[in-house]
Amino acid sequence: MSARVAGVQPYREFNGTMTGARKEGLMAKHNDVRPIIKLRSTAGTGTTYVTRKNRRNDPDRLVIRKYDAKVRQHVDFREER
């Protein structure tokens, strides 16, 4: 005797096809033009910011002056790899 519950789909086997972000090509590329980088404070406090940069415009390591809350000053943050 098989009873069906309203609104419940029957069990289906996995058919081996990819679904979601990988299928649609939304996963990050290995050699992306705009990689995610980490900026670390030069004050030695260990404070970090995470941002993206354009490799074509900034091929060298990025240095940005940002606020470090631990020393309560604006200091240089350098790109960390």
C-alpha atoms as a PDB file:
ATOM      1  CA  MET A   1       0.000   0.000   0.000  1.00  0.00           C
ATOM      2  CA  SER A   2       1.529   3.288  -1.140  1.00  0.00           C
ATOM      3  CA  ALA A   3       0.198   6.486   0.374  1.00  0.00           C
ATOM      4  CA  ARG A   4       1.065   9.834  -1.206  1.00  0.00           C
ATOM      5  CA  VAL A   5       1.487  12.935   0.952  1.00  0.00           C
ATOM      6  CA  ALA A   6       0.320  16.192  -0.598  1.00  0.00           C
ATOM      7  CA  GLY A   7       3.180  18.496  -1.641  1.00  0.00           C
ATOM      8  CA  VAL A   8       5.972  15.904  -1.263  1.00  0.00           C
ATOM      9  CA  GLN A   9       7.956  14.927  -4.351  1.00  0.00           C
ATOM     10  CA  PRO A  10       8.846  11.249  -4.811  1.00  0.00           C
ATOM     11  CA  TYR A  11      12.501  10.242  -4.297  1.00  0.00           C
ATOM     12  CA  ARG A  12      14.680  10.537  -7.424  1.00  0.00           C
ATOM     13  CA  GLU A  13      18.095   9.053  -8.058  1.00  0.00           C
ATOM     14  CA  PHE A  14      21.083  11.377  -8.621  1.00  0.00           C
ATOM     15  CA  ASN A  15      21.627  11.514 -12.375  1.00  0.00           C
ATOM     16  CA  GLY A  16      25.220  12.822 -12.248  1.00  0.00           C
ATOM     17  CA  THR A  17      24.573  16.229 -13.807  1.00  0.00           C
ATOM     18  CA  MET A  18      25.997  19.353 -12.239  1.00  0.00           C
ATOM     19  CA  THR A  19      23.618  21.940 -10.889  1.00  0.00           C
ATOM     20  CA  GLY A  20      23.864  25.373  -9.319  1.00  0.00           C
ATOM     21  CA  ALA A  21      26.750  27.819  -9.638  1.00  0.00           C
ATOM     22  CA  ARG A  22      29.181  25.430 -11.349  1.00  0.00           C
ATOM     23  CA  LYS A  23      26.753  24.654 -14.134  1.00  0.00           C
ATOM     24  CA  GLU A  24      26.041  28.313 -14.791  1.00  0.00           C
ATOM     25  CA  GLY A  25      29.722  29.298 -14.775  1.00  0.00           C
ATOM     26  CA  LEU A  26      29.515  31.598 -11.753  1.00  0.00           C
ATOM     27  CA  MET A  27      32.443  30.106  -9.868  1.00  0.00           C
ATOM     28  CA  ALA A  28      35.582  32.253  -9.529  1.00  0.00           C
ATOM     29  CA  LYS A  29      38.168  31.830 -12.249  1.00  0.00           C
ATOM     30  CA  HIS A  30      41.712  30.893 -11.299  1.00  0.00           C
ATOM     31  CA  ASN A  31      43.331  33.734 -13.223  1.00  0.00           C
ATOM     32  CA  ASP A  32      40.703  36.376 -12.503  1.00  0.00           C
ATOM     33  CA  VAL A  33      41.254  40.000 -13.593  1.00  0.00           C
ATOM     34  CA  ARG A  34      39.965  41.221 -10.218  1.00  0.00           C
ATOM     35  CA  PRO A  35      41.358  38.899  -7.518  1.00  0.00           C
ATOM     36  CA  ILE A  36      40.432  39.226  -3.851  1.00  0.00           C
ATOM     37  CA  ILE A  37      43.411  40.519  -1.859  1.00  0.00           C
ATOM     38  CA  LYS A  38      44.147  41.064   1.821  1.00  0.00           C
ATOM     39  CA  LEU A  39      45.604  44.388   3.016  1.00  0.00           C
ATOM     40  CA  ARG A  40      47.642  44.211   6.234  1.00  0.00           C
ATOM     41  CA  SER A  41      48.511  47.182   8.440  1.00  0.00           C
ATOM     42  CA  THR A  42      52.127  48.378   8.449  1.00  0.00           C
ATOM     43  CA  ALA A  43      51.717  49.470  12.089  1.00  0.00           C
ATOM     44  CA  GLY A  44      52.166  45.831  13.140  1.00  0.00           C
ATOM     45  CA  THR A  45      48.769  45.491  14.803  1.00  0.00           C
ATOM     46  CA  GLY A  46      47.569  42.649  12.588  1.00  0.00           C
ATOM     47  CA  THR A  47      44.545  44.607  11.345  1.00  0.00           C
ATOM     48  CA  THR A  48      43.458  43.581   7.864  1.00  0.00           C
ATOM     49  CA  TYR A  49      41.054  44.752   5.183  1.00  0.00           C
ATOM     50  CA  VAL A  50      39.799  42.553   2.341  1.00  0.00           C
ATOM     51  CA  THR A  51      39.229  44.113  -1.072  1.00  0.00           C
ATOM     52  CA  ARG A  52      39.520  43.453  -4.803  1.00  0.00           C
ATOM     53  CA  LYS A  53      42.005  44.937  -7.232  1.00  0.00           C
ATOM     54  CA  ASN A  54      42.292  45.148 -10.985  1.00  0.00           C
ATOM     55  CA  ARG A  55      45.458  43.364 -12.130  1.00  0.00           C
ATOM     56  CA  ARG A  56      45.610  45.323 -15.373  1.00  0.00           C
ATOM     57  CA  ASN A  57      45.638  48.734 -13.649  1.00  0.00           C
ATOM     58  CA  ASP A  58      47.662  47.730 -10.551  1.00  0.00           C
ATOM     59  CA  PRO A  59      50.077  44.911 -11.421  1.00  0.00           C
ATOM     60  CA  ASP A  60      52.362  45.737  -8.453  1.00  0.00           C
ATOM     61  CA  ARG A  61      51.516  45.251  -4.802  1.00  0.00           C
ATOM     62  CA  LEU A  62      48.882  47.681  -3.636  1.00  0.00           C
ATOM     63  CA  VAL A  63      49.501  50.223  -0.826  1.00  0.00           C
ATOM     64  CA  ILE A  64      46.464  52.125   0.493  1.00  0.00           C
ATOM     65  CA  ARG A  65      46.232  54.527   3.420  1.00  0.00           C
ATOM     66  CA  LYS A  66      43.361  53.402   5.667  1.00  0.00           C
ATOM     67  CA  TYR A  67      42.248  53.692   9.285  1.00  0.00           C
ATOM     68  CA  ASP A  68      43.703  51.268  11.842  1.00  0.00           C
ATOM     69  CA  ALA A  69      41.380  51.189  14.863  1.00  0.00           C
ATOM     70  CA  LYS A  70      43.977  49.631  17.175  1.00  0.00           C
ATOM     71  CA  VAL A  71      46.366  52.602  16.885  1.00  0.00           C
ATOM     72  CA  ARG A  72      43.549  55.090  16.108  1.00  0.00           C
ATOM     73  CA  GLN A  73      45.386  56.531  13.121  1.00  0.00           C
ATOM     74  CA  HIS A  74      45.459  56.320   9.356  1.00  0.00           C
ATOM     75  CA  VAL A  75      48.391  54.117   8.323  1.00  0.00           C
ATOM     76  CA  ASP A  76      49.569  52.417   5.133  1.00  0.00           C
ATOM     77  CA  PHE A  77      48.078  49.014   4.414  1.00  0.00           C
ATOM     78  CA  ARG A  78      50.100  46.795   2.066  1.00  0.00           C
ATOM     79  CA  GLU A  79      48.862  43.961  -0.103  1.00  0.00           C
ATOM     80  CA  GLU A  80      49.570  40.530   1.334  1.00  0.00           C
ATOM     81  CA  ARG A  81      49.734  37.420  -0.837  1.00  0.00           C
END
